[in-house]
Amino acid sequence: MDIDLLYVADCPNHAIARARVQIALDRTQLAAVVRGREVQSSEEAARLGMRGSPTILVDGHDPFAGGADPAALSCRLYRSDPGFSGAPTVEQLVEAFGG
């Protein structure tokens, strides 16, 4: 599995997203290559499918994006049972990874 973590430098949530991705991978015992990539332009965000920072792509697909979500360089919010957060929960990531 390939996981790309797309982020913008000014958004602080990529560190927590990366940590949660690692916890989810540890829980599922899945092998994955995790790459971080700083996105610097709207054009790059659109080309990569970034829907805000951080965007987590699993094998090139954003499991948390709605069909009409536009590309964005802004900080992203994820909805979960506890409310909104700057990164998906570990449980959401486990589910996204197929665990």
PDB file of N, CA and C in Angstrom:
ATOM      1  N   MET A   1       0.845  -1.163   0.000  1.00  0.00           N
ATOM      2  CA  MET A   1       0.000   0.000   0.000  1.00  0.00           C
ATOM      3  C   MET A   1       0.896   1.233   0.000  1.00  0.00           C
ATOM      4  N   ASP A   2       0.501   2.241  -0.764  1.00  0.00           N
ATOM      5  CA  ASP A   2       1.202   3.527  -0.790  1.00  0.00           C
ATOM      6  C   ASP A   2       0.317   4.576  -0.136  1.00  0.00           C
ATOM      7  N   ILE A   3       0.897   5.344   0.770  1.00  0.00           N
ATOM      8  CA  ILE A   3       0.173   6.416   1.439  1.00  0.00           C
ATOM      9  C   ILE A   3       0.941   7.703   1.221  1.00  0.00           C
ATOM     10  N   ASP A   4       0.253   8.686   0.661  1.00  0.00           N
ATOM     11  CA  ASP A   4       0.836  10.009   0.467  1.00  0.00           C
ATOM     12  C   ASP A   4       0.138  10.977   1.409  1.00  0.00           C
ATOM     13  N   LEU A   5       0.919  11.716   2.165  1.00  0.00           N
ATOM     14  CA  LEU A   5       0.415  12.725   3.072  1.00  0.00           C
ATOM     15  C   LEU A   5       0.750  14.082   2.465  1.00  0.00           C
ATOM     16  N   LEU A   6      -0.273  14.728   1.907  1.00  0.00           N
ATOM     17  CA  LEU A   6      -0.103  16.025   1.260  1.00  0.00           C
ATOM     18  C   LEU A   6      -0.420  17.119   2.269  1.00  0.00           C
ATOM     19  N   TYR A   7       0.431  18.139   2.338  1.00  0.00           N
ATOM     20  CA  TYR A   7       0.221  19.195   3.324  1.00  0.00           C
ATOM     21  C   TYR A   7       0.787  20.511   2.831  1.00  0.00           C
ATOM     22  N   VAL A   8       0.369  21.593   3.498  1.00  0.00           N
ATOM     23  CA  VAL A   8       0.964  22.908   3.275  1.00  0.00           C
ATOM     24  C   VAL A   8       1.738  23.272   4.539  1.00  0.00           C
ATOM     25  N   ALA A   9       2.804  24.010   4.373  1.00  0.00           N
ATOM     26  CA  ALA A   9       3.715  24.306   5.481  1.00  0.00           C
ATOM     27  C   ALA A   9       3.028  25.055   6.620  1.00  0.00           C
ATOM     28  N   ASP A  10       2.086  25.931   6.326  1.00  0.00           N
ATOM     29  CA  ASP A  10       1.459  26.755   7.354  1.00  0.00           C
ATOM     30  C   ASP A  10       0.385  26.033   8.163  1.00  0.00           C
ATOM     31  N   CYS A  11       0.017  24.839   7.775  1.00  0.00           N
ATOM     32  CA  CYS A  11      -1.026  24.105   8.478  1.00  0.00           C
ATOM     33  C   CYS A  11      -0.380  23.120   9.456  1.00  0.00           C
ATOM     34  N   PRO A  12      -0.682  23.224  10.743  1.00  0.00           N
ATOM     35  CA  PRO A  12       0.014  22.408  11.745  1.00  0.00           C
ATOM     36  C   PRO A  12      -0.461  20.962  11.863  1.00  0.00           C
ATOM     37  N   ASN A  13      -1.495  20.572  11.127  1.00  0.00           N
ATOM     38  CA  ASN A  13      -2.118  19.269  11.364  1.00  0.00           C
ATOM     39  C   ASN A  13      -1.431  18.091  10.695  1.00  0.00           C
ATOM     40  N   HIS A  14      -0.433  18.328   9.843  1.00  0.00           N
ATOM     41  CA  HIS A  14       0.179  17.185   9.159  1.00  0.00           C
ATOM     42  C   HIS A  14       0.972  16.296  10.123  1.00  0.00           C
ATOM     43  N   ALA A  15       1.519  16.853  11.191  1.00  0.00           N
ATOM     44  CA  ALA A  15       2.274  16.032  12.140  1.00  0.00           C
ATOM     45  C   ALA A  15       1.357  15.045  12.864  1.00  0.00           C
ATOM     46  N   ILE A  16       0.192  15.498  13.318  1.00  0.00           N
ATOM     47  CA  ILE A  16      -0.746  14.601  13.992  1.00  0.00           C
ATOM     48  C   ILE A  16      -1.310  13.585  13.002  1.00  0.00           C
ATOM     49  N   ALA A  17      -1.547  14.009  11.770  1.00  0.00           N
ATOM     50  CA  ALA A  17      -2.045  13.074  10.755  1.00  0.00           C
ATOM     51  C   ALA A  17      -1.009  11.975  10.508  1.00  0.00           C
ATOM     52  N   ARG A  18       0.244  12.346  10.395  1.00  0.00           N
ATOM     53  CA  ARG A  18       1.299  11.353  10.161  1.00  0.00           C
ATOM     54  C   ARG A  18       1.395  10.383  11.338  1.00  0.00           C
ATOM     55  N   ALA A  19       1.307  10.895  12.549  1.00  0.00           N
ATOM     56  CA  ALA A  19       1.363  10.031  13.728  1.00  0.00           C
ATOM     57  C   ALA A  19       0.178   9.067  13.752  1.00  0.00           C
ATOM     58  N   ARG A  20      -1.010   9.560  13.429  1.00  0.00           N
ATOM     59  CA  ARG A  20      -2.191   8.694  13.421  1.00  0.00           C
ATOM     60  C   ARG A  20      -2.126   7.654  12.307  1.00  0.00           C
ATOM     61  N   VAL A  21      -1.575   8.023  11.161  1.00  0.00           N
ATOM     62  CA  VAL A  21      -1.385   7.055  10.077  1.00  0.00           C
ATOM     63  C   VAL A  21      -0.494   5.919  10.571  1.00  0.00           C
ATOM     64  N   GLN A  22       0.588   6.254  11.261  1.00  0.00           N
ATOM     65  CA  GLN A  22       1.504   5.221  11.747  1.00  0.00           C
ATOM     66  C   GLN A  22       0.831   4.326  12.783  1.00  0.00           C
ATOM     67  N   ILE A  23       0.046   4.907  13.682  1.00  0.00           N
ATOM     68  CA  ILE A  23      -0.670   4.105  14.683  1.00  0.00           C
ATOM     69  C   ILE A  23      -1.645   3.160  13.989  1.00  0.00           C
ATOM     70  N   ALA A  24      -2.372   3.669  12.993  1.00  0.00           N
ATOM     71  CA  ALA A  24      -3.335   2.834  12.262  1.00  0.00           C
ATOM     72  C   ALA A  24      -2.627   1.700  11.529  1.00  0.00           C
ATOM     73  N   LEU A  25      -1.474   1.993  10.940  1.00  0.00           N
ATOM     74  CA  LEU A  25      -0.715   0.937  10.264  1.00  0.00           C
ATOM     75  C   LEU A  25      -0.220  -0.110  11.266  1.00  0.00           C
ATOM     76  N   ASP A  26       0.223   0.346  12.417  1.00  0.00           N
ATOM     77  CA  ASP A  26       0.669  -0.594  13.454  1.00  0.00           C
ATOM     78  C   ASP A  26      -0.485  -1.489  13.897  1.00  0.00           C
ATOM     79  N   ARG A  27      -1.657  -0.908  14.063  1.00  0.00           N
ATOM     80  CA  ARG A  27      -2.823  -1.694  14.506  1.00  0.00           C
ATOM     81  C   ARG A  27      -3.254  -2.726  13.474  1.00  0.00           C
ATOM     82  N   THR A  28      -3.183  -2.355  12.213  1.00  0.00           N
ATOM     83  CA  THR A  28      -3.630  -3.259  11.153  1.00  0.00           C
ATOM     84  C   THR A  28      -2.521  -4.197  10.689  1.00  0.00           C
ATOM     85  N   GLN A  29      -1.287  -3.913  11.086  1.00  0.00           N
ATOM     86  CA  GLN A  29      -0.110  -4.686  10.680  1.00  0.00           C
ATOM     87  C   GLN A  29       0.042  -4.736   9.164  1.00  0.00           C
ATOM     88  N   LEU A  30      -0.352  -3.638   8.516  1.00  0.00           N
ATOM     89  CA  LEU A  30      -0.200  -3.538   7.069  1.00  0.00           C
ATOM     90  C   LEU A  30       1.156  -2.931   6.733  1.00  0.00           C
ATOM     91  N   ALA A  31       1.740  -3.408   5.659  1.00  0.00           N
ATOM     92  CA  ALA A  31       2.987  -2.827   5.161  1.00  0.00           C
ATOM     93  C   ALA A  31       2.621  -1.687   4.214  1.00  0.00           C
ATOM     94  N   ALA A  32       3.257  -0.546   4.409  1.00  0.00           N
ATOM     95  CA  ALA A  32       2.957   0.602   3.551  1.00  0.00           C
ATOM     96  C   ALA A  32       4.175   1.498   3.440  1.00  0.00           C
ATOM     97  N   VAL A  33       4.259   2.163   2.320  1.00  0.00           N
ATOM     98  CA  VAL A  33       5.240   3.214   2.121  1.00  0.00           C
ATOM     99  C   VAL A  33       4.494   4.524   2.367  1.00  0.00           C
ATOM    100  N   VAL A  34       4.960   5.308   3.346  1.00  0.00           N
ATOM    101  CA  VAL A  34       4.319   6.575   3.687  1.00  0.00           C
ATOM    102  C   VAL A  34       5.250   7.698   3.247  1.00  0.00           C
ATOM    103  N   ARG A  35       4.711   8.569   2.401  1.00  0.00           N
ATOM    104  CA  ARG A  35       5.491   9.699   1.894  1.00  0.00           C
ATOM    105  C   ARG A  35       4.784  10.999   2.255  1.00  0.00           C
ATOM    106  N   GLY A  36       5.542  11.953   2.739  1.00  0.00           N
ATOM    107  CA  GLY A  36       5.030  13.294   2.975  1.00  0.00           C
ATOM    108  C   GLY A  36       5.409  14.178   1.805  1.00  0.00           C
ATOM    109  N   ARG A  37       4.496  15.078   1.435  1.00  0.00           N
ATOM    110  CA  ARG A  37       4.788  15.979   0.317  1.00  0.00           C
ATOM    111  C   ARG A  37       4.187  17.344   0.594  1.00  0.00           C
ATOM    112  N   GLU A  38       5.048  18.350   0.645  1.00  0.00           N
ATOM    113  CA  GLU A  38       4.575  19.716   0.814  1.00  0.00           C
ATOM    114  C   GLU A  38       4.074  20.230  -0.532  1.00  0.00           C
ATOM    115  N   VAL A  39       2.850  20.706  -0.546  1.00  0.00           N
ATOM    116  CA  VAL A  39       2.222  21.233  -1.758  1.00  0.00           C
ATOM    117  C   VAL A  39       2.301  22.751  -1.699  1.00  0.00           C
ATOM    118  N   GLN A  40       2.752  23.370  -2.802  1.00  0.00           N
ATOM    119  CA  GLN A  40       3.052  24.797  -2.760  1.00  0.00           C
ATOM    120  C   GLN A  40       2.199  25.667  -3.673  1.00  0.00           C
ATOM    121  N   SER A  41       1.333  25.069  -4.486  1.00  0.00           N
ATOM    122  CA  SER A  41       0.513  25.899  -5.367  1.00  0.00           C
ATOM    123  C   SER A  41      -0.864  25.273  -5.558  1.00  0.00           C
ATOM    124  N   SER A  42      -1.799  26.106  -5.947  1.00  0.00           N
ATOM    125  CA  SER A  42      -3.157  25.623  -6.230  1.00  0.00           C
ATOM    126  C   SER A  42      -3.149  24.637  -7.386  1.00  0.00           C
ATOM    127  N   GLU A  43      -2.302  24.876  -8.367  1.00  0.00           N
ATOM    128  CA  GLU A  43      -2.207  23.982  -9.515  1.00  0.00           C
ATOM    129  C   GLU A  43      -1.713  22.601  -9.087  1.00  0.00           C
ATOM    130  N   GLU A  44      -0.710  22.583  -8.230  1.00  0.00           N
ATOM    131  CA  GLU A  44      -0.182  21.320  -7.730  1.00  0.00           C
ATOM    132  C   GLU A  44      -1.242  20.595  -6.892  1.00  0.00           C
ATOM    133  N   ALA A  45      -1.974  21.347  -6.063  1.00  0.00           N
ATOM    134  CA  ALA A  45      -3.044  20.763  -5.248  1.00  0.00           C
ATOM    135  C   ALA A  45      -4.096  20.109  -6.138  1.00  0.00           C
ATOM    136  N   ALA A  46      -4.488  20.792  -7.201  1.00  0.00           N
ATOM    137  CA  ALA A  46      -5.495  20.241  -8.114  1.00  0.00           C
ATOM    138  C   ALA A  46      -4.966  18.992  -8.815  1.00  0.00           C
ATOM    139  N   ARG A  47      -3.724  19.033  -9.255  1.00  0.00           N
ATOM    140  CA  ARG A  47      -3.134  17.894  -9.969  1.00  0.00           C
ATOM    141  C   ARG A  47      -3.017  16.658  -9.069  1.00  0.00           C
ATOM    142  N   LEU A  48      -2.703  16.879  -7.793  1.00  0.00           N
ATOM    143  CA  LEU A  48      -2.498  15.765  -6.872  1.00  0.00           C
ATOM    144  C   LEU A  48      -3.783  15.289  -6.189  1.00  0.00           C
ATOM    145  N   GLY A  49      -4.852  16.086  -6.292  1.00  0.00           N
ATOM    146  CA  GLY A  49      -6.101  15.717  -5.624  1.00  0.00           C
ATOM    147  C   GLY A  49      -6.133  16.105  -4.162  1.00  0.00           C
ATOM    148  N   MET A  50      -5.438  17.177  -3.813  1.00  0.00           N
ATOM    149  CA  MET A  50      -5.400  17.649  -2.431  1.00  0.00           C
ATOM    150  C   MET A  50      -6.661  18.428  -2.121  1.00  0.00           C
ATOM    151  N   ARG A  51      -7.363  18.028  -1.072  1.00  0.00           N
ATOM    152  CA  ARG A  51      -8.619  18.669  -0.671  1.00  0.00           C
ATOM    153  C   ARG A  51      -8.462  19.444   0.624  1.00  0.00           C
ATOM    154  N   GLY A  52      -7.286  19.977   0.854  1.00  0.00           N
ATOM    155  CA  GLY A  52      -6.957  20.685   2.085  1.00  0.00           C
ATOM    156  C   GLY A  52      -5.836  19.953   2.794  1.00  0.00           C
ATOM    157  N   SER A  53      -5.242  20.634   3.747  1.00  0.00           N
ATOM    158  CA  SER A  53      -4.075  20.107   4.448  1.00  0.00           C
ATOM    159  C   SER A  53      -4.460  19.648   5.846  1.00  0.00           C
ATOM    160  N   PRO A  54      -4.150  18.413   6.157  1.00  0.00           N
ATOM    161  CA  PRO A  54      -3.507  17.390   5.349  1.00  0.00           C
ATOM    162  C   PRO A  54      -4.518  16.579   4.542  1.00  0.00           C
ATOM    163  N   THR A  55      -4.089  16.104   3.401  1.00  0.00           N
ATOM    164  CA  THR A  55      -4.853  15.130   2.612  1.00  0.00           C
ATOM    165  C   THR A  55      -4.075  13.827   2.641  1.00  0.00           C
ATOM    166  N   ILE A  56      -4.769  12.742   2.936  1.00  0.00           N
ATOM    167  CA  ILE A  56      -4.155  11.419   2.986  1.00  0.00           C
ATOM    168  C   ILE A  56      -4.670  10.624   1.796  1.00  0.00           C
ATOM    169  N   LEU A  57      -3.759  10.262   0.916  1.00  0.00           N
ATOM    170  CA  LEU A  57      -4.112   9.454  -0.253  1.00  0.00           C
ATOM    171  C   LEU A  57      -3.663   8.022  -0.010  1.00  0.00           C
ATOM    172  N   VAL A  58      -4.580   7.095  -0.171  1.00  0.00           N
ATOM    173  CA  VAL A  58      -4.293   5.668  -0.027  1.00  0.00           C
ATOM    174  C   VAL A  58      -4.318   5.072  -1.426  1.00  0.00           C
ATOM    175  N   ASP A  59      -3.153   4.665  -1.897  1.00  0.00           N
ATOM    176  CA  ASP A  59      -3.015   4.172  -3.270  1.00  0.00           C
ATOM    177  C   ASP A  59      -3.615   5.165  -4.267  1.00  0.00           C
ATOM    178  N   GLY A  60      -3.340   6.452  -4.048  1.00  0.00           N
ATOM    179  CA  GLY A  60      -3.769   7.507  -4.964  1.00  0.00           C
ATOM    180  C   GLY A  60      -5.193   7.992  -4.792  1.00  0.00           C
ATOM    181  N   HIS A  61      -5.922   7.441  -3.823  1.00  0.00           N
ATOM    182  CA  HIS A  61      -7.330   7.791  -3.612  1.00  0.00           C
ATOM    183  C   HIS A  61      -7.503   8.434  -2.237  1.00  0.00           C
ATOM    184  N   ASP A  62      -8.317   9.487  -2.167  1.00  0.00           N
ATOM    185  CA  ASP A  62      -8.631  10.146  -0.901  1.00  0.00           C
ATOM    186  C   ASP A  62      -9.899   9.528  -0.327  1.00  0.00           C
ATOM    187  N   PRO A  63      -9.790   8.646   0.666  1.00  0.00           N
ATOM    188  CA  PRO A  63     -10.977   7.967   1.192  1.00  0.00           C
ATOM    189  C   PRO A  63     -11.901   8.867   1.997  1.00  0.00           C
ATOM    190  N   PHE A  64     -11.498  10.103   2.258  1.00  0.00           N
ATOM    191  CA  PHE A  64     -12.289  11.020   3.073  1.00  0.00           C
ATOM    192  C   PHE A  64     -12.925  12.147   2.261  1.00  0.00           C
ATOM    193  N   ALA A  65     -12.702  12.174   0.955  1.00  0.00           N
ATOM    194  CA  ALA A  65     -13.219  13.259   0.117  1.00  0.00           C
ATOM    195  C   ALA A  65     -14.616  12.950  -0.391  1.00  0.00           C
ATOM    196  N   GLY A  66     -15.429  13.983  -0.420  1.00  0.00           N
ATOM    197  CA  GLY A  66     -16.715  13.881  -1.095  1.00  0.00           C
ATOM    198  C   GLY A  66     -16.495  14.137  -2.573  1.00  0.00           C
ATOM    199  N   GLY A  67     -17.395  13.712  -3.401  1.00  0.00           N
ATOM    200  CA  GLY A  67     -17.224  13.827  -4.844  1.00  0.00           C
ATOM    201  C   GLY A  67     -17.032  15.240  -5.356  1.00  0.00           C
ATOM    202  N   ALA A  68     -17.617  16.225  -4.691  1.00  0.00           N
ATOM    203  CA  ALA A  68     -17.555  17.601  -5.188  1.00  0.00           C
ATOM    204  C   ALA A  68     -16.556  18.457  -4.429  1.00  0.00           C
ATOM    205  N   ASP A  69     -15.762  17.864  -3.540  1.00  0.00           N
ATOM    206  CA  ASP A  69     -14.799  18.651  -2.773  1.00  0.00           C
ATOM    207  C   ASP A  69     -13.747  19.236  -3.711  1.00  0.00           C
ATOM    208  N   PRO A  70     -13.563  20.566  -3.674  1.00  0.00           N
ATOM    209  CA  PRO A  70     -12.577  21.186  -4.559  1.00  0.00           C
ATOM    210  C   PRO A  70     -11.156  21.047  -4.016  1.00  0.00           C
ATOM    211  N   ALA A  71     -10.195  21.194  -4.889  1.00  0.00           N
ATOM    212  CA  ALA A  71      -8.797  21.238  -4.457  1.00  0.00           C
ATOM    213  C   ALA A  71      -8.603  22.490  -3.612  1.00  0.00           C
ATOM    214  N   ALA A  72      -7.738  22.372  -2.584  1.00  0.00           N
ATOM    215  CA  ALA A  72      -7.546  23.516  -1.690  1.00  0.00           C
ATOM    216  C   ALA A  72      -6.184  23.461  -1.020  1.00  0.00           C
ATOM    217  N   LEU A  73      -5.653  24.642  -0.720  1.00  0.00           N
ATOM    218  CA  LEU A  73      -4.411  24.767   0.034  1.00  0.00           C
ATOM    219  C   LEU A  73      -4.676  25.135   1.494  1.00  0.00           C
ATOM    220  N   SER A  74      -5.917  25.256   1.897  1.00  0.00           N
ATOM    221  CA  SER A  74      -6.269  25.633   3.261  1.00  0.00           C
ATOM    222  C   SER A  74      -6.171  24.426   4.192  1.00  0.00           C
ATOM    223  N   CYS A  75      -6.218  24.686   5.496  1.00  0.00           N
ATOM    224  CA  CYS A  75      -6.266  23.583   6.455  1.00  0.00           C
ATOM    225  C   CYS A  75      -7.596  22.861   6.299  1.00  0.00           C
ATOM    226  N   ARG A  76      -7.559  21.577   6.486  1.00  0.00           N
ATOM    227  CA  ARG A  76      -8.732  20.722   6.291  1.00  0.00           C
ATOM    228  C   ARG A  76      -9.274  20.258   7.634  1.00  0.00           C
ATOM    229  N   LEU A  77     -10.580  20.104   7.705  1.00  0.00           N
ATOM    230  CA  LEU A  77     -11.225  19.535   8.880  1.00  0.00           C
ATOM    231  C   LEU A  77     -11.860  18.209   8.512  1.00  0.00           C
ATOM    232  N   TYR A  78     -11.742  17.249   9.417  1.00  0.00           N
ATOM    233  CA  TYR A  78     -12.332  15.932   9.253  1.00  0.00           C
ATOM    234  C   TYR A  78     -13.440  15.761  10.285  1.00  0.00           C
ATOM    235  N   ARG A  79     -14.564  15.222   9.861  1.00  0.00           N
ATOM    236  CA  ARG A  79     -15.690  14.982  10.755  1.00  0.00           C
ATOM    237  C   ARG A  79     -15.571  13.581  11.352  1.00  0.00           C
ATOM    238  N   SER A  80     -15.825  13.495  12.657  1.00  0.00           N
ATOM    239  CA  SER A  80     -15.834  12.193  13.335  1.00  0.00           C
ATOM    240  C   SER A  80     -16.860  12.255  14.461  1.00  0.00           C
ATOM    241  N   ASP A  81     -17.071  11.149  15.141  1.00  0.00           N
ATOM    242  CA  ASP A  81     -18.040  11.121  16.234  1.00  0.00           C
ATOM    243  C   ASP A  81     -17.767  12.174  17.303  1.00  0.00           C
ATOM    244  N   PRO A  82     -16.499  12.381  17.700  1.00  0.00           N
ATOM    245  CA  PRO A  82     -16.254  13.409  18.720  1.00  0.00           C
ATOM    246  C   PRO A  82     -16.458  14.840  18.207  1.00  0.00           C
ATOM    247  N   GLY A  83     -16.521  15.049  16.907  1.00  0.00           N
ATOM    248  CA  GLY A  83     -16.651  16.396  16.341  1.00  0.00           C
ATOM    249  C   GLY A  83     -15.697  16.566  15.173  1.00  0.00           C
ATOM    250  N   PHE A  84     -15.162  17.762  15.034  1.00  0.00           N
ATOM    251  CA  PHE A  84     -14.230  18.057  13.949  1.00  0.00           C
ATOM    252  C   PHE A  84     -12.801  18.050  14.464  1.00  0.00           C
ATOM    253  N   SER A  85     -11.892  17.616  13.588  1.00  0.00           N
ATOM    254  CA  SER A  85     -10.477  17.562  13.933  1.00  0.00           C
ATOM    255  C   SER A  85      -9.661  17.880  12.687  1.00  0.00           C
ATOM    256  N   GLY A  86      -8.417  18.257  12.887  1.00  0.00           N
ATOM    257  CA  GLY A  86      -7.532  18.554  11.776  1.00  0.00           C
ATOM    258  C   GLY A  86      -6.943  17.332  11.107  1.00  0.00           C
ATOM    259  N   ALA A  87      -7.295  16.143  11.592  1.00  0.00           N
ATOM    260  CA  ALA A  87      -6.816  14.882  11.010  1.00  0.00           C
ATOM    261  C   ALA A  87      -7.860  13.812  11.289  1.00  0.00           C
ATOM    262  N   PRO A  88      -7.930  12.789  10.437  1.00  0.00           N
ATOM    263  CA  PRO A  88      -8.849  11.680  10.724  1.00  0.00           C
ATOM    264  C   PRO A  88      -8.448  10.975  12.022  1.00  0.00           C
ATOM    265  N   THR A  89      -9.423  10.349  12.674  1.00  0.00           N
ATOM    266  CA  THR A  89      -9.115   9.556  13.866  1.00  0.00           C
ATOM    267  C   THR A  89      -8.373   8.289  13.441  1.00  0.00           C
ATOM    268  N   VAL A  90      -7.739   7.653  14.397  1.00  0.00           N
ATOM    269  CA  VAL A  90      -7.060   6.385  14.121  1.00  0.00           C
ATOM    270  C   VAL A  90      -8.074   5.374  13.613  1.00  0.00           C
ATOM    271  N   GLU A  91      -9.252   5.345  14.216  1.00  0.00           N
ATOM    272  CA  GLU A  91     -10.287   4.391  13.798  1.00  0.00           C
ATOM    273  C   GLU A  91     -10.716   4.633  12.352  1.00  0.00           C
ATOM    274  N   GLN A  92     -10.867   5.899  11.962  1.00  0.00           N
ATOM    275  CA  GLN A  92     -11.211   6.217  10.570  1.00  0.00           C
ATOM    276  C   GLN A  92     -10.118   5.752   9.618  1.00  0.00           C
ATOM    277  N   LEU A  93      -8.876   5.924  10.024  1.00  0.00           N
ATOM    278  CA  LEU A  93      -7.760   5.490   9.176  1.00  0.00           C
ATOM    279  C   LEU A  93      -7.707   3.971   9.058  1.00  0.00           C
ATOM    280  N   VAL A  94      -7.930   3.271  10.177  1.00  0.00           N
ATOM    281  CA  VAL A  94      -7.961   1.808  10.133  1.00  0.00           C
ATOM    282  C   VAL A  94      -9.020   1.353   9.126  1.00  0.00           C
ATOM    283  N   GLU A  95     -10.188   1.962   9.178  1.00  0.00           N
ATOM    284  CA  GLU A  95     -11.252   1.624   8.242  1.00  0.00           C
ATOM    285  C   GLU A  95     -10.853   1.941   6.796  1.00  0.00           C
ATOM    286  N   ALA A  96     -10.218   3.103   6.595  1.00  0.00           N
ATOM    287  CA  ALA A  96      -9.786   3.496   5.253  1.00  0.00           C
ATOM    288  C   ALA A  96      -8.731   2.550   4.697  1.00  0.00           C
ATOM    289  N   PHE A  97      -7.929   1.970   5.587  1.00  0.00           N
ATOM    290  CA  PHE A  97      -6.883   1.039   5.157  1.00  0.00           C
ATOM    291  C   PHE A  97      -7.427  -0.365   4.942  1.00  0.00           C
ATOM    292  N   GLY A  98      -8.720  -0.553   5.205  1.00  0.00           N
ATOM    293  CA  GLY A  98      -9.334  -1.859   4.983  1.00  0.00           C
ATOM    294  C   GLY A  98      -9.220  -2.785   6.172  1.00  0.00           C
ATOM    295  N   GLY A  99      -8.932  -2.215   7.352  1.00  0.00           N
ATOM    296  CA  GLY A  99      -8.720  -3.045   8.543  1.00  0.00           C
ATOM    297  C   GLY A  99      -9.892  -3.217   9.369  1.00  0.00           C
TER     298      GLY A  99
END
